[in-house]
C-alpha atoms as a PDB file:
ATOM      1  CA  GLY A   1     104.054 120.882 127.550  1.00  0.00           C
ATOM      2  CA  GLN A   2     103.960 122.692 130.960  1.00  0.00           C
ATOM      3  CA  TYR A   3     100.219 122.923 130.900  1.00  0.00           C
ATOM      4  CA  ILE A   4      99.390 119.160 130.442  1.00  0.00           C
ATOM      5  CA  ASP A   5      98.588 118.934 134.267  1.00  0.00           C
ATOM      6  CA  HIS A   6      97.025 122.274 134.724  1.00  0.00           C
ATOM      7  CA  PRO A   7      94.128 122.257 137.025  1.00  0.00           C
ATOM      8  CA  TYR A   8      91.803 123.899 134.573  1.00  0.00           C
ATOM      9  CA  PHE A   9      90.409 121.864 131.680  1.00  0.00           C
ATOM     10  CA  GLU A  10      90.106 124.856 129.349  1.00  0.00           C
ATOM     11  CA  VAL A  11      93.927 125.242 129.591  1.00  0.00           C
ATOM     12  CA  ARG A  12      94.669 121.703 128.969  1.00  0.00           C
ATOM     13  CA  ALA A  13      92.180 121.650 126.030  1.00  0.00           C
ATOM     14  CA  VAL A  14      94.000 124.643 124.327  1.00  0.00           C
ATOM     15  CA  ALA A  15      97.420 123.081 125.246  1.00  0.00           C
ATOM     16  CA  ALA A  16      96.195 119.948 123.291  1.00  0.00           C
ATOM     17  CA  LYS A  17      96.160 122.031 119.984  1.00  0.00           C
ATOM     18  CA  TYR A  18      99.990 122.610 120.213  1.00  0.00           C
ATOM     19  CA  LEU A  19     101.607 119.580 121.997  1.00  0.00           C
ATOM     20  CA  ASP A  20     103.675 117.209 120.072  1.00  0.00           C
ATOM     21  CA  LEU A  21     102.386 113.549 119.642  1.00  0.00           C
ATOM     22  CA  PHE A  22     104.230 112.123 122.629  1.00  0.00           C
ATOM     23  CA  GLN A  23     102.721 114.771 124.931  1.00  0.00           C
ATOM     24  CA  LEU A  24      99.391 114.648 123.185  1.00  0.00           C
ATOM     25  CA  ASN A  25      99.116 111.009 123.942  1.00  0.00           C
ATOM     26  CA  ARG A  26      99.371 111.676 127.793  1.00  0.00           C
ATOM     27  CA  LEU A  27      95.957 113.546 127.398  1.00  0.00           C
ATOM     28  CA  ILE A  28      93.934 110.574 125.917  1.00  0.00           C
ATOM     29  CA  HIS A  29      92.722 109.660 129.348  1.00  0.00           C
ATOM     30  CA  ASP A  30      92.170 113.208 130.703  1.00  0.00           C
ATOM     31  CA  PRO A  31      89.198 113.377 132.989  1.00  0.00           C
ATOM     32  CA  ASP A  32      87.642 116.012 131.057  1.00  0.00           C
ATOM     33  CA  GLU A  33      85.805 115.440 127.805  1.00  0.00           C
ATOM     34  CA  THR A  34      86.595 118.745 126.302  1.00  0.00           C
ATOM     35  CA  VAL A  35      90.301 117.981 126.590  1.00  0.00           C
ATOM     36  CA  ARG A  36      89.776 114.459 125.055  1.00  0.00           C
ATOM     37  CA  ALA A  37      87.772 115.990 122.248  1.00  0.00           C
ATOM     38  CA  SER A  38      90.683 118.363 121.460  1.00  0.00           C
ATOM     39  CA  VAL A  39      93.051 115.484 121.522  1.00  0.00           C
ATOM     40  CA  ALA A  40      90.744 113.469 118.992  1.00  0.00           C
ATOM     41  CA  LEU A  41      91.105 116.275 116.546  1.00  0.00           C
ATOM     42  CA  ARG A  42      94.971 115.947 116.499  1.00  0.00           C
ATOM     43  CA  LEU A  43      95.607 112.501 117.023  1.00  0.00           C
ATOM     44  CA  PRO A  44      96.865 110.511 113.871  1.00  0.00           C
ATOM     45  CA  PRO A  45      94.241 108.246 112.723  1.00  0.00           C
ATOM     46  CA  LYS A  46      95.865 105.202 113.825  1.00  0.00           C
ATOM     47  CA  LEU A  47      95.869 106.253 117.344  1.00  0.00           C
ATOM     48  CA  LEU A  48      92.297 107.325 117.314  1.00  0.00           C
ATOM     49  CA  THR A  49      91.163 103.882 118.098  1.00  0.00           C
ATOM     50  CA  LYS A  50      92.194 104.442 121.603  1.00  0.00           C
ATOM     51  CA  LEU A  51      89.184 106.785 121.975  1.00  0.00           C
ATOM     52  CA  ILE A  52      86.654 104.571 120.103  1.00  0.00           C
ATOM     53  CA  ARG A  53      84.990 103.524 123.523  1.00  0.00           C
ATOM     54  CA  ASP A  54      85.450 107.071 125.212  1.00  0.00           C
ATOM     55  CA  PRO A  55      82.443 107.709 127.696  1.00  0.00           C
ATOM     56  CA  ASP A  56      81.653 111.066 125.903  1.00  0.00           C
ATOM     57  CA  ARG A  57      79.502 111.239 123.000  1.00  0.00           C
ATOM     58  CA  GLU A  58      81.329 114.278 121.319  1.00  0.00           C
ATOM     59  CA  VAL A  59      84.591 112.700 121.649  1.00  0.00           C
ATOM     60  CA  ARG A  60      83.404 109.678 119.889  1.00  0.00           C
ATOM     61  CA  VAL A  61      81.677 111.705 117.200  1.00  0.00           C
ATOM     62  CA  ARG A  62      85.036 113.244 116.344  1.00  0.00           C
ATOM     63  CA  VAL A  63      86.693 109.973 116.359  1.00  0.00           C
ATOM     64  CA  ALA A  64      84.086 108.587 113.946  1.00  0.00           C
ATOM     65  CA  THR A  65      84.748 111.708 111.755  1.00  0.00           C
ATOM     66  CA  ARG A  66      88.516 111.190 111.499  1.00  0.00           C
ATOM     67  CA  LEU A  67      88.861 107.341 111.916  1.00  0.00           C
ATOM     68  CA  GLU A  68      90.237 105.436 108.863  1.00  0.00           C
ATOM     69  CA  GLN A  69      87.379 103.736 107.093  1.00  0.00           C
ATOM     70  CA  GLN A  70      88.580 100.251 107.815  1.00  0.00           C
ATOM     71  CA  ASP A  71      88.643 100.952 111.508  1.00  0.00           C
ATOM     72  CA  LEU A  72      85.013 102.193 111.530  1.00  0.00           C
ATOM     73  CA  SER A  73      83.480  98.805 112.039  1.00  0.00           C
ATOM     74  CA  ALA A  74      84.262  98.940 115.602  1.00  0.00           C
ATOM     75  CA  MET A  75      81.841 101.654 116.005  1.00  0.00           C
ATOM     76  CA  LEU A  76      78.844 100.163 114.161  1.00  0.00           C
ATOM     77  CA  HIS A  77      77.044  99.497 117.359  1.00  0.00           C
ATOM     78  CA  ASP A  78      77.942 102.523 119.382  1.00  0.00           C
ATOM     79  CA  PRO A  79      75.270 103.334 122.136  1.00  0.00           C
ATOM     80  CA  ASP A  80      74.708 106.831 120.680  1.00  0.00           C
ATOM     81  CA  TYR A  81      72.640 107.242 117.447  1.00  0.00           C
ATOM     82  CA  TYR A  82      74.533 110.310 116.028  1.00  0.00           C
ATOM     83  CA  VAL A  83      77.854 108.464 116.393  1.00  0.00           C
ATOM     84  CA  ARG A  84      76.229 105.551 114.244  1.00  0.00           C
ATOM     85  CA  VAL A  85      74.753 108.312 111.851  1.00  0.00           C
ATOM     86  CA  VAL A  86      78.435 109.429 111.226  1.00  0.00           C
ATOM     87  CA  VAL A  87      79.637 105.908 111.021  1.00  0.00           C
ATOM     88  CA  ALA A  88      76.710 105.258 108.343  1.00  0.00           C
ATOM     89  CA  ARG A  89      77.975 108.178 106.240  1.00  0.00           C
ATOM     90  CA  ARG A  90      81.674 107.007 106.226  1.00  0.00           C
ATOM     91  CA  VAL A  91      81.893 103.218 106.673  1.00  0.00           C
ATOM     92  CA  ALA A  92      82.454 101.254 103.448  1.00  0.00           C
ATOM     93  CA  PRO A  93      79.119 100.417 101.720  1.00  0.00           C
ATOM     94  CA  GLY A  94      79.836  96.689 102.140  1.00  0.00           C
ATOM     95  CA  MET A  95      79.507  97.049 105.969  1.00  0.00           C
ATOM     96  CA  LEU A  96      76.139  98.964 106.022  1.00  0.00           C
ATOM     97  CA  PHE A  97      74.073  95.853 106.220  1.00  0.00           C
ATOM     98  CA  HIS A  98      75.027  95.812 109.896  1.00  0.00           C
ATOM     99  CA  LEU A  99      73.014  98.970 110.271  1.00  0.00           C
ATOM    100  CA  VAL A 100      69.757  98.097 108.060  1.00  0.00           C
ATOM    101  CA  ARG A 101      67.823  97.223 111.376  1.00  0.00           C
ATOM    102  CA  ASP A 102      69.347  99.985 113.515  1.00  0.00           C
ATOM    103  CA  PRO A 103      66.807 101.247 116.193  1.00  0.00           C
ATOM    104  CA  ASP A 104      67.111 104.833 115.010  1.00  0.00           C
ATOM    105  CA  SER A 105      65.525 105.958 112.026  1.00  0.00           C
ATOM    106  CA  SER A 106      68.012 108.552 111.213  1.00  0.00           C
ATOM    107  CA  VAL A 107      70.595 105.945 110.954  1.00  0.00           C
ATOM    108  CA  ARG A 108      68.689 103.783 108.651  1.00  0.00           C
ATOM    109  CA  ARG A 109      68.070 106.683 106.377  1.00  0.00           C
ATOM    110  CA  GLU A 110      71.688 107.409 106.119  1.00  0.00           C
ATOM    111  CA  VAL A 111      71.990 103.480 105.286  1.00  0.00           C
ATOM    112  CA  ALA A 112      69.357 103.651 102.532  1.00  0.00           C
ATOM    113  CA  ALA A 113      71.184 106.548 100.860  1.00  0.00           C
ATOM    114  CA  ARG A 114      74.458 104.494 100.397  1.00  0.00           C
ATOM    115  CA  ILE A 115      73.778 100.762 100.785  1.00  0.00           C
ATOM    116  CA  GLY A 116      73.833  98.382  97.865  1.00  0.00           C
ATOM    117  CA  ASP A 117      70.599  97.965  95.716  1.00  0.00           C
ATOM    118  CA  GLU A 118      70.048  94.546  96.811  1.00  0.00           C
ATOM    119  CA  TRP A 119      68.941  95.940 100.264  1.00  0.00           C
ATOM    120  CA  LEU A 120      66.703  98.766  98.988  1.00  0.00           C
ATOM    121  CA  PRO A 121      63.609  96.685  98.938  1.00  0.00           C
ATOM    122  CA  MET A 122      63.844  95.955 102.496  1.00  0.00           C
ATOM    123  CA  LEU A 123      64.532  99.470 103.542  1.00  0.00           C
ATOM    124  CA  ALA A 124      61.645 100.711 101.198  1.00  0.00           C
ATOM    125  CA  ASN A 125      59.370  98.796 103.519  1.00  0.00           C
ATOM    126  CA  ASP A 126      60.652 100.472 106.570  1.00  0.00           C
ATOM    127  CA  SER A 127      58.153 101.692 109.168  1.00  0.00           C
ATOM    128  CA  GLU A 128      59.569 105.354 108.929  1.00  0.00           C
ATOM    129  CA  GLU A 129      58.533 107.444 105.942  1.00  0.00           C
ATOM    130  CA  GLU A 130      62.044 109.198 105.580  1.00  0.00           C
ATOM    131  CA  VAL A 131      63.777 105.860 105.482  1.00  0.00           C
ATOM    132  CA  ARG A 132      61.237 104.572 102.759  1.00  0.00           C
ATOM    133  CA  LEU A 133      61.523 107.642 100.783  1.00  0.00           C
ATOM    134  CA  ALA A 134      65.327 107.476 100.858  1.00  0.00           C
ATOM    135  CA  ALA A 135      65.373 104.028  99.613  1.00  0.00           C
ATOM    136  CA  ILE A 136      62.527 104.539  97.023  1.00  0.00           C
ATOM    137  CA  ARG A 137      64.535 107.268  95.296  1.00  0.00           C
ATOM    138  CA  ARG A 138      67.455 104.875  94.716  1.00  0.00           C
ATOM    139  CA  MET A 139      65.421 101.836  93.607  1.00  0.00           C
ATOM    140  CA  PRO A 140      65.057 100.841  89.865  1.00  0.00           C
ATOM    141  CA  ALA A 141      61.837 101.981  88.284  1.00  0.00           C
ATOM    142  CA  GLY A 142      60.935  98.424  87.654  1.00  0.00           C
ATOM    143  CA  LEU A 143      60.807  97.577  91.549  1.00  0.00           C
ATOM    144  CA  LEU A 144      58.402 100.561  92.399  1.00  0.00           C
ATOM    145  CA  ALA A 145      54.916  99.212  91.552  1.00  0.00           C
ATOM    146  CA  PRO A 146      54.029  97.853  95.014  1.00  0.00           C
ATOM    147  CA  PHE A 147      54.890 101.102  96.502  1.00  0.00           C
ATOM    148  CA  ARG A 148      52.281 103.249  94.689  1.00  0.00           C
ATOM    149  CA  PHE A 149      49.820 102.467  97.519  1.00  0.00           C
ATOM    150  CA  ASP A 150      52.306 103.727 100.352  1.00  0.00           C
ATOM    151  CA  HIS A 151      50.552 106.076 103.009  1.00  0.00           C
ATOM    152  CA  ASP A 152      53.209 108.778 102.532  1.00  0.00           C
ATOM    153  CA  TRP A 153      52.239 111.007  99.586  1.00  0.00           C
ATOM    154  CA  ARG A 154      55.987 111.859  99.094  1.00  0.00           C
ATOM    155  CA  VAL A 155      56.726 107.995  98.436  1.00  0.00           C
ATOM    156  CA  ARG A 156      53.696 107.993  96.044  1.00  0.00           C
ATOM    157  CA  PHE A 157      54.885 111.142  94.349  1.00  0.00           C
ATOM    158  CA  GLU A 158      58.479 109.435  93.861  1.00  0.00           C
ATOM    159  CA  VAL A 159      56.813 106.421  92.573  1.00  0.00           C
ATOM    160  CA  ALA A 160      54.495 108.355  90.167  1.00  0.00           C
ATOM    161  CA  GLN A 161      57.445 110.105  88.516  1.00  0.00           C
ATOM    162  CA  ARG A 162      59.440 106.786  87.696  1.00  0.00           C
ATOM    163  CA  VAL A 163      57.122 103.845  87.788  1.00  0.00           C
ATOM    164  CA  PRO A 164      56.493 102.042  84.547  1.00  0.00           C
ATOM    165  CA  VAL A 165      53.392 103.496  82.667  1.00  0.00           C
ATOM    166  CA  GLU A 166      51.211 100.414  83.050  1.00  0.00           C
ATOM    167  CA  HIS A 167      51.255 101.107  86.960  1.00  0.00           C
ATOM    168  CA  LEU A 168      50.057 104.653  86.735  1.00  0.00           C
ATOM    169  CA  ALA A 169      46.209 104.180  86.616  1.00  0.00           C
ATOM    170  CA  ASP A 170      46.044 103.852  90.288  1.00  0.00           C
ATOM    171  CA  LEU A 171      48.241 106.918  90.933  1.00  0.00           C
ATOM    172  CA  ALA A 172      46.158 108.968  88.596  1.00  0.00           C
ATOM    173  CA  LYS A 173      43.187 108.660  91.072  1.00  0.00           C
ATOM    174  CA  ASP A 174      45.419 109.366  94.041  1.00  0.00           C
ATOM    175  CA  GLU A 175      43.867 111.308  97.055  1.00  0.00           C
ATOM    176  CA  ASP A 176      46.809 113.806  96.667  1.00  0.00           C
ATOM    177  CA  GLU A 177      46.311 116.041  93.577  1.00  0.00           C
ATOM    178  CA  VAL A 178      50.078 116.507  92.992  1.00  0.00           C
ATOM    179  CA  VAL A 179      50.637 112.635  92.877  1.00  0.00           C
ATOM    180  CA  ALA A 180      47.524 112.352  90.604  1.00  0.00           C
ATOM    181  CA  ALA A 181      48.607 115.102  88.247  1.00  0.00           C
ATOM    182  CA  ILE A 182      52.207 113.827  87.775  1.00  0.00           C
ATOM    183  CA  ALA A 183      50.609 110.304  86.973  1.00  0.00           C
ATOM    184  CA  ARG A 184      48.119 111.687  84.569  1.00  0.00           C
ATOM    185  CA  ASP A 185      50.790 113.845  82.916  1.00  0.00           C
ATOM    186  CA  ARG A 186      52.883 110.780  82.369  1.00  0.00           C
ATOM    187  CA  MET A 187      50.059 108.722  81.068  1.00  0.00           C
ATOM    188  CA  ASN A 188      49.280 111.359  78.536  1.00  0.00           C
END
């Protein structure tokens, strides 16, 4: 406890690892982000909400990693994309619809990996290949036919593996030989 007001942030950050909860609470508003990040690792989840709007990205990432699932909705629109990626990995699937139009494709890719099936067609039409691919991989085979003309060969490859057989003729003539080969194999 004697190091809470130490002039060097490194000392305060180390001290945060050993303080009791009452003393640790005093460091929540420390001027240094390293100290606040150490605090975020030790605070009980209910008290982490005090750091949701911390000015430092690393502190907020740690908060998003440890926060109770029901409290994560407060971080859905964090200004930092990686904080939103962490939130997308942990938030309840029913809350993911808030992130389907996120400006960052890595957030949308995480959403596509976890969101309910009813949202997958929208994400399968995303402008980013990785998002489309994540959605296509989860879509039921019966919904894949429109995606056999996608400009990304990986999407067409995924479609060729699972689309109903009656839609394979176009894929059997695909410009990518790997896609065409899988389609021909399935047709035979």
